[in-house]
Amino acid sequence: MVGFTMYGYSEEDNCFELCRIMIDYKFQRQGFGRKALSLIIKEMSKNKECSEIYLSFDPENHSAKKLYEEFGFENTGIIVDDEVLYCLKI
């Protein structure tokens, strides 16, 4: 297994979210995260009710920040459980 993702609609938060995207350390920096993120956005965008996708990450994770911003995610300025909250407008 290279990694896994967890995403979907959160009833609790009333939004579409990417909860987890994890790539095994042996496979990092090989493009798997970028490909997975692309496929997740494509899949979630199929839902006509999905106009925004939210995710959060550790502010010290500069690789994640760079990747998410390359896909158009923007910082909301909100901190959730010590993580920065980003949003992609579809």
PDB file of N, CA and C in Angstrom:
ATOM      1  N   MET A   1       0.843  -1.167   0.000  1.00  0.00           N
ATOM      2  CA  MET A   1       0.000   0.000   0.000  1.00  0.00           C
ATOM      3  C   MET A   1       0.895   1.238   0.000  1.00  0.00           C
ATOM      4  N   VAL A   2       0.584   2.177  -0.837  1.00  0.00           N
ATOM      5  CA  VAL A   2       1.339   3.426  -0.951  1.00  0.00           C
ATOM      6  C   VAL A   2       0.845   4.452   0.069  1.00  0.00           C
ATOM      7  N   GLY A   3      -0.450   4.474   0.309  1.00  0.00           N
ATOM      8  CA  GLY A   3      -1.019   5.449   1.239  1.00  0.00           C
ATOM      9  C   GLY A   3      -2.526   5.318   1.272  1.00  0.00           C
ATOM     10  N   PHE A   4      -3.175   6.315   1.867  1.00  0.00           N
ATOM     11  CA  PHE A   4      -4.632   6.302   1.885  1.00  0.00           C
ATOM     12  C   PHE A   4      -5.154   7.723   2.006  1.00  0.00           C
ATOM     13  N   THR A   5      -6.424   7.879   1.670  1.00  0.00           N
ATOM     14  CA  THR A   5      -7.096   9.169   1.820  1.00  0.00           C
ATOM     15  C   THR A   5      -8.440   8.940   2.489  1.00  0.00           C
ATOM     16  N   MET A   6      -8.943   9.990   3.086  1.00  0.00           N
ATOM     17  CA  MET A   6     -10.273   9.969   3.682  1.00  0.00           C
ATOM     18  C   MET A   6     -10.903  11.318   3.369  1.00  0.00           C
ATOM     19  N   TYR A   7     -12.014  11.302   2.692  1.00  0.00           N
ATOM     20  CA  TYR A   7     -12.651  12.551   2.286  1.00  0.00           C
ATOM     21  C   TYR A   7     -14.144  12.336   2.121  1.00  0.00           C
ATOM     22  N   GLY A   8     -14.882  13.437   2.078  1.00  0.00           N
ATOM     23  CA  GLY A   8     -16.323  13.351   1.873  1.00  0.00           C
ATOM     24  C   GLY A   8     -17.041  14.522   2.488  1.00  0.00           C
ATOM     25  N   TYR A   9     -18.309  14.334   2.726  1.00  0.00           N
ATOM     26  CA  TYR A   9     -19.144  15.384   3.314  1.00  0.00           C
ATOM     27  C   TYR A   9     -19.219  15.190   4.819  1.00  0.00           C
ATOM     28  N   SER A  10     -18.976  16.245   5.564  1.00  0.00           N
ATOM     29  CA  SER A  10     -19.061  16.196   7.020  1.00  0.00           C
ATOM     30  C   SER A  10     -20.412  16.748   7.466  1.00  0.00           C
ATOM     31  N   GLU A  11     -21.254  15.873   7.985  1.00  0.00           N
ATOM     32  CA  GLU A  11     -22.550  16.310   8.517  1.00  0.00           C
ATOM     33  C   GLU A  11     -22.332  17.264   9.697  1.00  0.00           C
ATOM     34  N   GLU A  12     -21.351  16.923  10.517  1.00  0.00           N
ATOM     35  CA  GLU A  12     -21.073  17.710  11.717  1.00  0.00           C
ATOM     36  C   GLU A  12     -20.674  19.143  11.375  1.00  0.00           C
ATOM     37  N   ASP A  13     -19.796  19.302  10.366  1.00  0.00           N
ATOM     38  CA  ASP A  13     -19.311  20.633   9.999  1.00  0.00           C
ATOM     39  C   ASP A  13     -20.054  21.231   8.814  1.00  0.00           C
ATOM     40  N   ASN A  14     -20.965  20.445   8.213  1.00  0.00           N
ATOM     41  CA  ASN A  14     -21.764  20.911   7.084  1.00  0.00           C
ATOM     42  C   ASN A  14     -20.894  21.401   5.925  1.00  0.00           C
ATOM     43  N   CYS A  15     -19.882  20.579   5.559  1.00  0.00           N
ATOM     44  CA  CYS A  15     -18.999  20.955   4.460  1.00  0.00           C
ATOM     45  C   CYS A  15     -18.329  19.709   3.875  1.00  0.00           C
ATOM     46  N   PHE A  16     -17.805  19.868   2.684  1.00  0.00           N
ATOM     47  CA  PHE A  16     -17.013  18.817   2.055  1.00  0.00           C
ATOM     48  C   PHE A  16     -15.575  18.996   2.521  1.00  0.00           C
ATOM     49  N   GLU A  17     -14.925  17.894   2.882  1.00  0.00           N
ATOM     50  CA  GLU A  17     -13.584  18.014   3.427  1.00  0.00           C
ATOM     51  C   GLU A  17     -12.684  16.854   3.038  1.00  0.00           C
ATOM     52  N   LEU A  18     -11.434  17.159   2.964  1.00  0.00           N
ATOM     53  CA  LEU A  18     -10.379  16.159   2.807  1.00  0.00           C
ATOM     54  C   LEU A  18      -9.792  16.001   4.200  1.00  0.00           C
ATOM     55  N   CYS A  19     -10.156  14.899   4.853  1.00  0.00           N
ATOM     56  CA  CYS A  19      -9.758  14.684   6.255  1.00  0.00           C
ATOM     57  C   CYS A  19      -8.326  14.194   6.369  1.00  0.00           C
ATOM     58  N   ARG A  20      -7.923  13.295   5.467  1.00  0.00           N
ATOM     59  CA  ARG A  20      -6.582  12.714   5.527  1.00  0.00           C
ATOM     60  C   ARG A  20      -6.089  12.408   4.132  1.00  0.00           C
ATOM     61  N   ILE A  21      -4.839  12.667   3.932  1.00  0.00           N
ATOM     62  CA  ILE A  21      -4.122  12.181   2.763  1.00  0.00           C
ATOM     63  C   ILE A  21      -2.740  11.819   3.289  1.00  0.00           C
ATOM     64  N   MET A  22      -2.458  10.538   3.311  1.00  0.00           N
ATOM     65  CA  MET A  22      -1.207  10.075   3.889  1.00  0.00           C
ATOM     66  C   MET A  22      -0.497   9.156   2.895  1.00  0.00           C
ATOM     67  N   ILE A  23       0.773   9.442   2.665  1.00  0.00           N
ATOM     68  CA  ILE A  23       1.602   8.641   1.777  1.00  0.00           C
ATOM     69  C   ILE A  23       2.729   8.040   2.622  1.00  0.00           C
ATOM     70  N   ASP A  24       2.920   6.732   2.528  1.00  0.00           N
ATOM     71  CA  ASP A  24       3.985   6.054   3.259  1.00  0.00           C
ATOM     72  C   ASP A  24       5.320   6.740   2.971  1.00  0.00           C
ATOM     73  N   TYR A  25       6.141   6.902   3.977  1.00  0.00           N
ATOM     74  CA  TYR A  25       7.409   7.620   3.825  1.00  0.00           C
ATOM     75  C   TYR A  25       8.282   7.042   2.713  1.00  0.00           C
ATOM     76  N   LYS A  26       8.154   5.734   2.435  1.00  0.00           N
ATOM     77  CA  LYS A  26       8.964   5.108   1.375  1.00  0.00           C
ATOM     78  C   LYS A  26       8.561   5.593  -0.020  1.00  0.00           C
ATOM     79  N   PHE A  27       7.351   6.163  -0.123  1.00  0.00           N
ATOM     80  CA  PHE A  27       6.843   6.585  -1.425  1.00  0.00           C
ATOM     81  C   PHE A  27       6.694   8.097  -1.556  1.00  0.00           C
ATOM     82  N   GLN A  28       7.094   8.829  -0.526  1.00  0.00           N
ATOM     83  CA  GLN A  28       6.972  10.285  -0.586  1.00  0.00           C
ATOM     84  C   GLN A  28       7.968  10.866  -1.585  1.00  0.00           C
ATOM     85  N   ARG A  29       7.604  12.031  -2.096  1.00  0.00           N
ATOM     86  CA  ARG A  29       8.421  12.769  -3.076  1.00  0.00           C
ATOM     87  C   ARG A  29       8.537  12.038  -4.409  1.00  0.00           C
ATOM     88  N   GLN A  30       7.502  11.235  -4.720  1.00  0.00           N
ATOM     89  CA  GLN A  30       7.472  10.520  -5.995  1.00  0.00           C
ATOM     90  C   GLN A  30       6.231  10.876  -6.810  1.00  0.00           C
ATOM     91  N   GLY A  31       5.468  11.859  -6.355  1.00  0.00           N
ATOM     92  CA  GLY A  31       4.295  12.312  -7.095  1.00  0.00           C
ATOM     93  C   GLY A  31       2.983  11.649  -6.712  1.00  0.00           C
ATOM     94  N   PHE A  32       3.025  10.708  -5.764  1.00  0.00           N
ATOM     95  CA  PHE A  32       1.796  10.021  -5.377  1.00  0.00           C
ATOM     96  C   PHE A  32       0.805  10.953  -4.674  1.00  0.00           C
ATOM     97  N   GLY A  33       1.295  11.825  -3.815  1.00  0.00           N
ATOM     98  CA  GLY A  33       0.424  12.771  -3.119  1.00  0.00           C
ATOM     99  C   GLY A  33      -0.241  13.726  -4.088  1.00  0.00           C
ATOM    100  N   ARG A  34       0.520  14.223  -5.039  1.00  0.00           N
ATOM    101  CA  ARG A  34       0.001  15.144  -6.060  1.00  0.00           C
ATOM    102  C   ARG A  34      -1.089  14.450  -6.892  1.00  0.00           C
ATOM    103  N   LYS A  35      -0.833  13.216  -7.311  1.00  0.00           N
ATOM    104  CA  LYS A  35      -1.806  12.466  -8.103  1.00  0.00           C
ATOM    105  C   LYS A  35      -3.053  12.174  -7.280  1.00  0.00           C
ATOM    106  N   ALA A  36      -2.877  11.763  -6.036  1.00  0.00           N
ATOM    107  CA  ALA A  36      -4.018  11.470  -5.166  1.00  0.00           C
ATOM    108  C   ALA A  36      -4.878  12.717  -4.966  1.00  0.00           C
ATOM    109  N   LEU A  37      -4.238  13.850  -4.704  1.00  0.00           N
ATOM    110  CA  LEU A  37      -4.978  15.092  -4.490  1.00  0.00           C
ATOM    111  C   LEU A  37      -5.761  15.473  -5.744  1.00  0.00           C
ATOM    112  N   SER A  38      -5.153  15.323  -6.892  1.00  0.00           N
ATOM    113  CA  SER A  38      -5.827  15.620  -8.152  1.00  0.00           C
ATOM    114  C   SER A  38      -7.074  14.740  -8.324  1.00  0.00           C
ATOM    115  N   LEU A  39      -6.938  13.456  -8.040  1.00  0.00           N
ATOM    116  CA  LEU A  39      -8.068  12.533  -8.178  1.00  0.00           C
ATOM    117  C   LEU A  39      -9.174  12.815  -7.157  1.00  0.00           C
ATOM    118  N   ILE A  40      -8.787  13.182  -5.947  1.00  0.00           N
ATOM    119  CA  ILE A  40      -9.771  13.502  -4.903  1.00  0.00           C
ATOM    120  C   ILE A  40     -10.585  14.727  -5.310  1.00  0.00           C
ATOM    121  N   ILE A  41      -9.907  15.765  -5.765  1.00  0.00           N
ATOM    122  CA  ILE A  41     -10.611  16.988  -6.181  1.00  0.00           C
ATOM    123  C   ILE A  41     -11.555  16.675  -7.337  1.00  0.00           C
ATOM    124  N   LYS A  42     -11.088  15.897  -8.292  1.00  0.00           N
ATOM    125  CA  LYS A  42     -11.915  15.519  -9.441  1.00  0.00           C
ATOM    126  C   LYS A  42     -13.150  14.746  -8.974  1.00  0.00           C
ATOM    127  N   GLU A  43     -12.947  13.782  -8.089  1.00  0.00           N
ATOM    128  CA  GLU A  43     -14.057  12.968  -7.590  1.00  0.00           C
ATOM    129  C   GLU A  43     -15.056  13.808  -6.793  1.00  0.00           C
ATOM    130  N   MET A  44     -14.563  14.643  -5.897  1.00  0.00           N
ATOM    131  CA  MET A  44     -15.457  15.457  -5.074  1.00  0.00           C
ATOM    132  C   MET A  44     -16.206  16.482  -5.925  1.00  0.00           C
ATOM    133  N   SER A  45     -15.583  16.970  -6.975  1.00  0.00           N
ATOM    134  CA  SER A  45     -16.200  17.965  -7.851  1.00  0.00           C
ATOM    135  C   SER A  45     -17.381  17.395  -8.637  1.00  0.00           C
ATOM    136  N   LYS A  46     -17.468  16.097  -8.743  1.00  0.00           N
ATOM    137  CA  LYS A  46     -18.594  15.466  -9.440  1.00  0.00           C
ATOM    138  C   LYS A  46     -19.909  15.709  -8.705  1.00  0.00           C
ATOM    139  N   ASN A  47     -19.820  15.947  -7.409  1.00  0.00           N
ATOM    140  CA  ASN A  47     -21.019  16.212  -6.617  1.00  0.00           C
ATOM    141  C   ASN A  47     -21.431  17.664  -6.847  1.00  0.00           C
ATOM    142  N   LYS A  48     -22.597  17.873  -7.451  1.00  0.00           N
ATOM    143  CA  LYS A  48     -23.028  19.231  -7.798  1.00  0.00           C
ATOM    144  C   LYS A  48     -23.208  20.139  -6.583  1.00  0.00           C
ATOM    145  N   GLU A  49     -23.324  19.547  -5.393  1.00  0.00           N
ATOM    146  CA  GLU A  49     -23.458  20.346  -4.173  1.00  0.00           C
ATOM    147  C   GLU A  49     -22.108  20.779  -3.605  1.00  0.00           C
ATOM    148  N   CYS A  50     -21.034  20.247  -4.145  1.00  0.00           N
ATOM    149  CA  CYS A  50     -19.697  20.568  -3.639  1.00  0.00           C
ATOM    150  C   CYS A  50     -19.163  21.817  -4.340  1.00  0.00           C
ATOM    151  N   SER A  51     -19.160  22.927  -3.622  1.00  0.00           N
ATOM    152  CA  SER A  51     -18.628  24.175  -4.175  1.00  0.00           C
ATOM    153  C   SER A  51     -17.331  24.589  -3.493  1.00  0.00           C
ATOM    154  N   GLU A  52     -17.038  23.930  -2.374  1.00  0.00           N
ATOM    155  CA  GLU A  52     -15.812  24.199  -1.618  1.00  0.00           C
ATOM    156  C   GLU A  52     -15.318  22.896  -0.998  1.00  0.00           C
ATOM    157  N   ILE A  53     -13.997  22.775  -0.906  1.00  0.00           N
ATOM    158  CA  ILE A  53     -13.379  21.642  -0.223  1.00  0.00           C
ATOM    159  C   ILE A  53     -12.452  22.209   0.843  1.00  0.00           C
ATOM    160  N   TYR A  54     -12.604  21.724   2.062  1.00  0.00           N
ATOM    161  CA  TYR A  54     -11.783  22.189   3.169  1.00  0.00           C
ATOM    162  C   TYR A  54     -10.781  21.112   3.576  1.00  0.00           C
ATOM    163  N   LEU A  55      -9.654  21.550   4.096  1.00  0.00           N
ATOM    164  CA  LEU A  55      -8.667  20.653   4.685  1.00  0.00           C
ATOM    165  C   LEU A  55      -7.856  21.442   5.690  1.00  0.00           C
ATOM    166  N   SER A  56      -7.209  20.739   6.597  1.00  0.00           N
ATOM    167  CA  SER A  56      -6.339  21.404   7.566  1.00  0.00           C
ATOM    168  C   SER A  56      -5.054  20.610   7.693  1.00  0.00           C
ATOM    169  N   PHE A  57      -4.006  21.303   8.116  1.00  0.00           N
ATOM    170  CA  PHE A  57      -2.704  20.642   8.261  1.00  0.00           C
ATOM    171  C   PHE A  57      -1.844  21.424   9.239  1.00  0.00           C
ATOM    172  N   ASP A  58      -0.815  20.773   9.720  1.00  0.00           N
ATOM    173  CA  ASP A  58       0.149  21.380  10.640  1.00  0.00           C
ATOM    174  C   ASP A  58       0.846  22.536   9.931  1.00  0.00           C
ATOM    175  N   PRO A  59       0.856  23.719  10.521  1.00  0.00           N
ATOM    176  CA  PRO A  59       1.486  24.871   9.860  1.00  0.00           C
ATOM    177  C   PRO A  59       2.989  24.693   9.606  1.00  0.00           C
ATOM    178  N   GLU A  60       3.618  23.733  10.277  1.00  0.00           N
ATOM    179  CA  GLU A  60       5.041  23.464  10.059  1.00  0.00           C
ATOM    180  C   GLU A  60       5.275  22.537   8.861  1.00  0.00           C
ATOM    181  N   ASN A  61       4.212  21.992   8.297  1.00  0.00           N
ATOM    182  CA  ASN A  61       4.332  21.081   7.156  1.00  0.00           C
ATOM    183  C   ASN A  61       4.380  21.917   5.866  1.00  0.00           C
ATOM    184  N   HIS A  62       5.561  22.398   5.548  1.00  0.00           N
ATOM    185  CA  HIS A  62       5.742  23.294   4.407  1.00  0.00           C
ATOM    186  C   HIS A  62       5.509  22.597   3.075  1.00  0.00           C
ATOM    187  N   SER A  63       5.790  21.306   2.994  1.00  0.00           N
ATOM    188  CA  SER A  63       5.540  20.551   1.757  1.00  0.00           C
ATOM    189  C   SER A  63       4.042  20.494   1.461  1.00  0.00           C
ATOM    190  N   ALA A  64       3.253  20.226   2.490  1.00  0.00           N
ATOM    191  CA  ALA A  64       1.795  20.167   2.312  1.00  0.00           C
ATOM    192  C   ALA A  64       1.268  21.543   1.910  1.00  0.00           C
ATOM    193  N   LYS A  65       1.734  22.577   2.573  1.00  0.00           N
ATOM    194  CA  LYS A  65       1.307  23.940   2.260  1.00  0.00           C
ATOM    195  C   LYS A  65       1.560  24.264   0.796  1.00  0.00           C
ATOM    196  N   LYS A  66       2.750  23.955   0.326  1.00  0.00           N
ATOM    197  CA  LYS A  66       3.122  24.235  -1.064  1.00  0.00           C
ATOM    198  C   LYS A  66       2.228  23.459  -2.030  1.00  0.00           C
ATOM    199  N   LEU A  67       2.025  22.170  -1.746  1.00  0.00           N
ATOM    200  CA  LEU A  67       1.193  21.339  -2.607  1.00  0.00           C
ATOM    201  C   LEU A  67      -0.240  21.863  -2.668  1.00  0.00           C
ATOM    202  N   TYR A  68      -0.837  22.119  -1.514  1.00  0.00           N
ATOM    203  CA  TYR A  68      -2.225  22.572  -1.487  1.00  0.00           C
ATOM    204  C   TYR A  68      -2.383  23.915  -2.193  1.00  0.00           C
ATOM    205  N   GLU A  69      -1.452  24.818  -1.984  1.00  0.00           N
ATOM    206  CA  GLU A  69      -1.532  26.122  -2.645  1.00  0.00           C
ATOM    207  C   GLU A  69      -1.364  25.988  -4.161  1.00  0.00           C
ATOM    208  N   GLU A  70      -0.558  25.032  -4.612  1.00  0.00           N
ATOM    209  CA  GLU A  70      -0.416  24.801  -6.052  1.00  0.00           C
ATOM    210  C   GLU A  70      -1.738  24.354  -6.680  1.00  0.00           C
ATOM    211  N   PHE A  71      -2.583  23.700  -5.902  1.00  0.00           N
ATOM    212  CA  PHE A  71      -3.882  23.252  -6.392  1.00  0.00           C
ATOM    213  C   PHE A  71      -4.960  24.317  -6.201  1.00  0.00           C
ATOM    214  N   GLY A  72      -4.615  25.452  -5.620  1.00  0.00           N
ATOM    215  CA  GLY A  72      -5.574  26.541  -5.468  1.00  0.00           C
ATOM    216  C   GLY A  72      -6.214  26.672  -4.111  1.00  0.00           C
ATOM    217  N   PHE A  73      -5.823  25.834  -3.158  1.00  0.00           N
ATOM    218  CA  PHE A  73      -6.346  25.984  -1.801  1.00  0.00           C
ATOM    219  C   PHE A  73      -5.805  27.280  -1.210  1.00  0.00           C
ATOM    220  N   GLU A  74      -6.650  27.963  -0.448  1.00  0.00           N
ATOM    221  CA  GLU A  74      -6.261  29.232   0.177  1.00  0.00           C
ATOM    222  C   GLU A  74      -6.477  29.173   1.674  1.00  0.00           C
ATOM    223  N   ASN A  75      -5.606  29.851   2.395  1.00  0.00           N
ATOM    224  CA  ASN A  75      -5.688  29.928   3.844  1.00  0.00           C
ATOM    225  C   ASN A  75      -6.928  30.721   4.241  1.00  0.00           C
ATOM    226  N   THR A  76      -7.745  30.150   5.116  1.00  0.00           N
ATOM    227  CA  THR A  76      -8.950  30.840   5.586  1.00  0.00           C
ATOM    228  C   THR A  76      -8.646  31.765   6.754  1.00  0.00           C
ATOM    229  N   GLY A  77      -7.460  31.616   7.350  1.00  0.00           N
ATOM    230  CA  GLY A  77      -7.115  32.395   8.532  1.00  0.00           C
ATOM    231  C   GLY A  77      -7.641  31.774   9.820  1.00  0.00           C
ATOM    232  N   ILE A  78      -8.239  30.624   9.707  1.00  0.00           N
ATOM    233  CA  ILE A  78      -8.820  29.934  10.862  1.00  0.00           C
ATOM    234  C   ILE A  78      -7.884  28.805  11.298  1.00  0.00           C
ATOM    235  N   ILE A  79      -7.724  28.653  12.603  1.00  0.00           N
ATOM    236  CA  ILE A  79      -6.933  27.573  13.186  1.00  0.00           C
ATOM    237  C   ILE A  79      -7.898  26.588  13.838  1.00  0.00           C
ATOM    238  N   VAL A  80      -7.768  25.302  13.492  1.00  0.00           N
ATOM    239  CA  VAL A  80      -8.614  24.249  14.053  1.00  0.00           C
ATOM    240  C   VAL A  80      -7.699  23.191  14.648  1.00  0.00           C
ATOM    241  N   ASP A  81      -7.792  23.007  15.965  1.00  0.00           N
ATOM    242  CA  ASP A  81      -6.958  22.016  16.652  1.00  0.00           C
ATOM    243  C   ASP A  81      -5.483  22.173  16.287  1.00  0.00           C
ATOM    244  N   ASP A  82      -4.990  23.391  16.327  1.00  0.00           N
ATOM    245  CA  ASP A  82      -3.591  23.738  16.042  1.00  0.00           C
ATOM    246  C   ASP A  82      -3.190  23.531  14.583  1.00  0.00           C
ATOM    247  N   GLU A  83      -4.160  23.375  13.699  1.00  0.00           N
ATOM    248  CA  GLU A  83      -3.873  23.244  12.274  1.00  0.00           C
ATOM    249  C   GLU A  83      -4.498  24.399  11.508  1.00  0.00           C
ATOM    250  N   VAL A  84      -3.865  24.799  10.400  1.00  0.00           N
ATOM    251  CA  VAL A  84      -4.405  25.868   9.572  1.00  0.00           C
ATOM    252  C   VAL A  84      -5.488  25.294   8.658  1.00  0.00           C
ATOM    253  N   LEU A  85      -6.568  26.018   8.499  1.00  0.00           N
ATOM    254  CA  LEU A  85      -7.683  25.574   7.667  1.00  0.00           C
ATOM    255  C   LEU A  85      -7.585  26.235   6.300  1.00  0.00           C
ATOM    256  N   TYR A  86      -7.582  25.407   5.256  1.00  0.00           N
ATOM    257  CA  TYR A  86      -7.505  25.888   3.882  1.00  0.00           C
ATOM    258  C   TYR A  86      -8.797  25.506   3.148  1.00  0.00           C
ATOM    259  N   CYS A  87      -9.125  26.257   2.116  1.00  0.00           N
ATOM    260  CA  CYS A  87     -10.334  26.021   1.344  1.00  0.00           C
ATOM    261  C   CYS A  87     -10.039  26.151  -0.142  1.00  0.00           C
ATOM    262  N   LEU A  88     -10.620  25.263  -0.926  1.00  0.00           N
ATOM    263  CA  LEU A  88     -10.552  25.328  -2.379  1.00  0.00           C
ATOM    264  C   LEU A  88     -11.955  25.606  -2.881  1.00  0.00           C
ATOM    265  N   LYS A  89     -12.130  26.700  -3.608  1.00  0.00           N
ATOM    266  CA  LYS A  89     -13.425  27.019  -4.217  1.00  0.00           C
ATOM    267  C   LYS A  89     -13.492  26.284  -5.552  1.00  0.00           C
ATOM    268  N   ILE A  90     -14.556  25.520  -5.756  1.00  0.00           N
ATOM    269  CA  ILE A  90     -14.728  24.743  -6.981  1.00  0.00           C
ATOM    270  C   ILE A  90     -15.409  25.609  -8.036  1.00  0.00           C
TER     271      ILE A  90
END
